[in-house]
Amino acid sequence: MTDSSVASVGRPRDADLGDRILTATQDLLIERGYAGTTVEDVARAAGTGKAAVYRRWASKVDLVVAAVRVLSTPGEVPDTGTLRGDLLACAMHYARPDARGARVLASLLGELGRDAELYEAARVSIGEPPVAALAAVLTRWVERGAVTTTAPIPLLAGIVPAVAFGQVTLQRRALDEATVVDLVDHVLLPALGASTTTER
């Protein structure tokens, strides 16, 4: 019998351990920041060993990015049938109902300028998907003739994320839903040459 077959019939993997590790990572990020969070401390707080952490995430960067990403909804491309509905569906990605997600994200954003590996991993896994969803929505409605703006799509798609990340960094809180609606209705739609009245 091989080692792998022994492992397969041995003690079952703790299905909740991954969640405990991510929660412990979030708690430590809030308490100590990125630099003060170690894999060893995460493992201890989760009631496991470092090996169990590394079996799931290859590095501290991967672990931290996963712990931040799990607190937000994925950046999917909606199709609600209206430009405003699509923009709201995308932009609500940046609205978080509690302060925990914003505090965890703030601990990450504050470190990006000092760690190139963390910056790249966070950009690819956390920053780009929701912006790409916004850009895809804008491109779709340009192609349908509903958007008359000549402004670059990447610039417009970056407006809500820029406001959201700025608020998280400076105030350690996420956007609320009312602010997201205001950004869509009073910034994005006018910039796109679309009327909020006809979009409702």
Protein backbone atom coordinates (compact mmCIF):
# COMPACT_ATOMS: atom_id res chain seq x y z
CA MET A 1 0.00 0.00 0.00
CA THR A 2 1.44 3.38 -1.00
CA ASP A 3 1.72 6.43 1.24
CA SER A 4 -1.02 8.16 -0.75
CA SER A 5 -3.41 5.25 -0.30
CA VAL A 6 -2.68 5.20 3.43
CA ALA A 7 -3.49 8.92 3.61
CA SER A 8 -6.73 8.40 1.70
CA VAL A 9 -8.06 5.91 4.24
CA GLY A 10 -6.61 7.64 7.28
CA ARG A 11 -8.10 10.41 9.39
CA PRO A 12 -10.45 12.53 7.23
CA ARG A 13 -9.36 16.08 6.52
CA ASP A 14 -10.97 18.64 8.82
CA ALA A 15 -13.50 20.30 6.53
CA ASP A 16 -13.72 23.36 8.79
CA LEU A 17 -9.97 23.85 9.17
CA GLY A 18 -9.63 25.95 6.03
CA ASP A 19 -12.29 28.34 7.29
CA ARG A 20 -10.65 28.52 10.71
CA ILE A 21 -7.31 29.36 9.14
CA LEU A 22 -8.81 32.13 7.01
CA THR A 23 -10.69 33.58 9.99
CA ALA A 24 -7.53 33.49 12.12
CA THR A 25 -5.64 35.23 9.32
CA GLN A 26 -8.27 37.98 9.15
CA ASP A 27 -8.20 38.46 12.93
CA LEU A 28 -4.42 38.79 12.97
CA LEU A 29 -4.41 41.18 10.02
CA ILE A 30 -6.81 43.44 11.89
CA GLU A 31 -4.83 43.19 15.12
CA ARG A 32 -1.24 43.26 13.83
CA GLY A 33 -1.29 44.23 10.16
CA TYR A 34 0.32 42.32 7.34
CA ALA A 35 3.91 42.64 8.54
CA GLY A 36 2.98 41.44 12.03
CA THR A 37 1.04 38.41 10.82
CA THR A 38 3.02 35.18 10.49
CA VAL A 39 1.95 31.76 9.24
CA GLU A 40 3.07 30.29 12.56
CA ASP A 41 0.77 32.64 14.50
CA VAL A 42 -2.10 31.92 12.12
CA ALA A 43 -1.65 28.18 12.59
CA ARG A 44 -1.55 28.55 16.36
CA ALA A 45 -4.70 30.70 16.40
CA ALA A 46 -6.50 28.19 14.16
CA GLY A 47 -5.49 25.30 16.42
CA THR A 48 -3.32 23.55 13.86
CA GLY A 49 0.25 23.38 12.59
CA LYS A 50 2.11 25.29 9.89
CA ALA A 51 2.12 22.23 7.64
CA ALA A 52 -1.68 22.26 7.49
CA VAL A 53 -1.61 25.88 6.38
CA TYR A 54 1.01 25.26 3.70
CA ARG A 55 -0.93 22.28 2.36
CA ARG A 56 -3.68 24.71 1.46
CA TRP A 57 -1.73 27.87 0.59
CA ALA A 58 1.81 27.81 -0.72
CA SER A 59 2.89 31.09 0.89
CA LYS A 60 1.89 33.81 3.31
CA VAL A 61 0.95 36.00 0.35
CA ASP A 62 -1.42 33.35 -1.02
CA LEU A 63 -2.97 32.88 2.42
CA VAL A 64 -3.52 36.58 3.04
CA VAL A 65 -4.98 37.21 -0.41
CA ALA A 66 -7.38 34.28 0.10
CA ALA A 67 -8.40 35.63 3.51
CA VAL A 68 -9.23 39.02 2.00
CA ARG A 69 -10.93 37.65 -1.11
CA VAL A 70 -13.32 35.41 0.81
CA LEU A 71 -14.88 38.48 2.45
CA SER A 72 -16.21 39.89 -0.81
CA THR A 73 -18.47 38.75 -3.61
CA PRO A 74 -16.82 37.65 -6.86
CA GLY A 75 -16.49 40.16 -9.69
CA GLU A 76 -19.08 38.61 -12.00
CA VAL A 77 -20.52 40.26 -15.10
CA PRO A 78 -24.26 40.82 -14.59
CA ASP A 79 -26.94 41.16 -17.26
CA THR A 80 -29.94 42.80 -15.61
CA GLY A 81 -31.37 44.23 -18.81
CA THR A 82 -30.52 47.87 -18.04
CA LEU A 83 -27.30 49.87 -17.96
CA ARG A 84 -28.06 51.22 -14.49
CA GLY A 85 -28.93 47.79 -13.16
CA ASP A 86 -25.71 46.32 -14.49
CA LEU A 87 -23.62 49.16 -13.07
CA LEU A 88 -25.26 48.84 -9.66
CA ALA A 89 -24.80 45.09 -9.61
CA CYS A 90 -21.09 45.52 -10.33
CA ALA A 91 -20.54 48.48 -8.02
CA MET A 92 -22.24 46.82 -5.05
CA HIS A 93 -19.18 44.56 -4.92
CA TYR A 94 -17.54 47.45 -3.06
CA ALA A 95 -20.32 47.84 -0.48
CA ARG A 96 -19.75 45.79 2.66
CA PRO A 97 -22.37 45.65 5.42
CA ASP A 98 -19.88 45.45 8.29
CA ALA A 99 -16.53 46.97 9.16
CA ARG A 100 -14.61 43.68 9.35
CA GLY A 101 -14.03 43.32 5.63
CA ALA A 102 -12.86 46.92 5.31
CA ARG A 103 -10.46 46.58 8.23
CA VAL A 104 -8.96 43.40 6.79
CA LEU A 105 -8.64 44.99 3.34
CA ALA A 106 -7.08 48.13 4.83
CA SER A 107 -4.34 46.03 6.41
CA LEU A 108 -3.52 44.70 2.95
CA LEU A 109 -3.72 47.97 1.04
CA GLY A 110 -1.34 49.65 3.46
CA GLU A 111 1.37 47.13 2.60
CA LEU A 112 1.08 47.00 -1.18
CA GLY A 113 3.62 49.73 -1.82
CA ARG A 114 6.27 47.87 0.17
CA ASP A 115 5.83 44.32 -1.12
CA ALA A 116 5.92 43.70 -4.86
CA GLU A 117 4.85 40.05 -4.58
CA LEU A 118 1.84 40.95 -2.44
CA TYR A 119 0.93 43.81 -4.77
CA GLU A 120 0.92 41.56 -7.83
CA ALA A 121 -1.09 38.79 -6.15
CA ALA A 122 -3.63 41.27 -4.77
CA ARG A 123 -3.92 43.06 -8.11
CA VAL A 124 -4.66 39.85 -10.00
CA SER A 125 -6.95 38.18 -7.46
CA ILE A 126 -8.66 41.10 -5.70
CA GLY A 127 -8.31 44.31 -7.69
CA GLU A 128 -8.74 43.32 -11.32
CA PRO A 129 -11.81 41.01 -11.43
CA PRO A 130 -14.44 43.57 -10.28
CA VAL A 131 -12.91 46.30 -12.45
CA ALA A 132 -12.93 43.93 -15.41
CA ALA A 133 -16.62 43.23 -14.74
CA LEU A 134 -17.39 46.96 -14.81
CA ALA A 135 -15.40 47.37 -18.00
CA ALA A 136 -17.24 44.45 -19.61
CA VAL A 137 -20.59 45.99 -18.72
CA LEU A 138 -19.58 49.38 -20.13
CA THR A 139 -18.26 47.80 -23.33
CA ARG A 140 -21.51 45.85 -23.77
CA TRP A 141 -23.64 48.99 -23.50
CA VAL A 142 -21.34 50.98 -25.78
CA GLU A 143 -21.80 48.25 -28.38
CA ARG A 144 -25.57 48.43 -27.87
CA GLY A 145 -25.48 52.18 -28.50
CA ALA A 146 -26.77 53.14 -25.05
CA VAL A 147 -23.55 54.93 -24.05
CA THR A 148 -22.43 58.04 -25.91
CA THR A 149 -19.32 58.97 -23.95
CA THR A 150 -15.92 59.22 -25.59
CA ALA A 151 -14.11 58.77 -22.27
CA PRO A 152 -11.84 55.70 -22.05
CA ILE A 153 -13.64 52.65 -20.65
CA PRO A 154 -10.77 51.75 -18.26
CA LEU A 155 -10.95 55.25 -16.76
CA LEU A 156 -14.70 55.01 -16.17
CA ALA A 157 -14.46 51.46 -14.82
CA GLY A 158 -11.90 52.63 -12.27
CA ILE A 159 -14.00 55.39 -10.70
CA VAL A 160 -15.94 53.33 -8.16
CA PRO A 161 -12.93 51.18 -7.18
CA ALA A 162 -10.81 54.29 -6.69
CA VAL A 163 -13.38 55.83 -4.34
CA ALA A 164 -13.87 52.54 -2.52
CA PHE A 165 -10.19 51.79 -1.97
CA GLY A 166 -9.51 55.40 -1.01
CA GLN A 167 -12.17 55.24 1.69
CA VAL A 168 -10.92 51.89 2.97
CA THR A 169 -7.35 53.19 3.15
CA LEU A 170 -8.14 56.55 4.77
CA GLN A 171 -11.20 55.73 6.88
CA ARG A 172 -10.97 51.94 7.26
CA ARG A 173 -14.56 51.49 6.18
CA ALA A 174 -16.23 50.29 3.00
CA LEU A 175 -18.72 52.16 0.88
CA ASP A 176 -22.33 51.90 1.99
CA GLU A 177 -25.08 51.07 -0.48
CA ALA A 178 -26.41 54.64 -0.62
CA THR A 179 -22.98 55.95 -1.64
CA VAL A 180 -22.70 53.27 -4.34
CA VAL A 181 -26.09 54.32 -5.74
CA ASP A 182 -24.99 57.98 -5.70
CA LEU A 183 -21.79 57.12 -7.55
CA VAL A 184 -23.73 55.29 -10.23
CA ASP A 185 -26.54 57.85 -10.56
CA HIS A 186 -24.59 61.10 -10.16
CA VAL A 187 -21.15 60.22 -11.50
CA LEU A 188 -21.10 57.20 -13.82
CA LEU A 189 -24.39 57.58 -15.66
CA PRO A 190 -23.91 61.32 -16.35
CA ALA A 191 -20.33 60.62 -17.47
CA LEU A 192 -21.72 58.00 -19.84
CA GLY A 193 -24.28 60.37 -21.29
CA ALA A 194 -27.14 58.30 -19.90
CA SER A 195 -30.14 59.54 -17.95
CA THR A 196 -30.89 58.03 -14.56
CA THR A 197 -34.60 58.61 -15.24
CA THR A 198 -34.70 56.48 -18.36
CA GLU A 199 -32.53 53.82 -16.75
CA ARG A 200 -34.82 53.18 -13.80
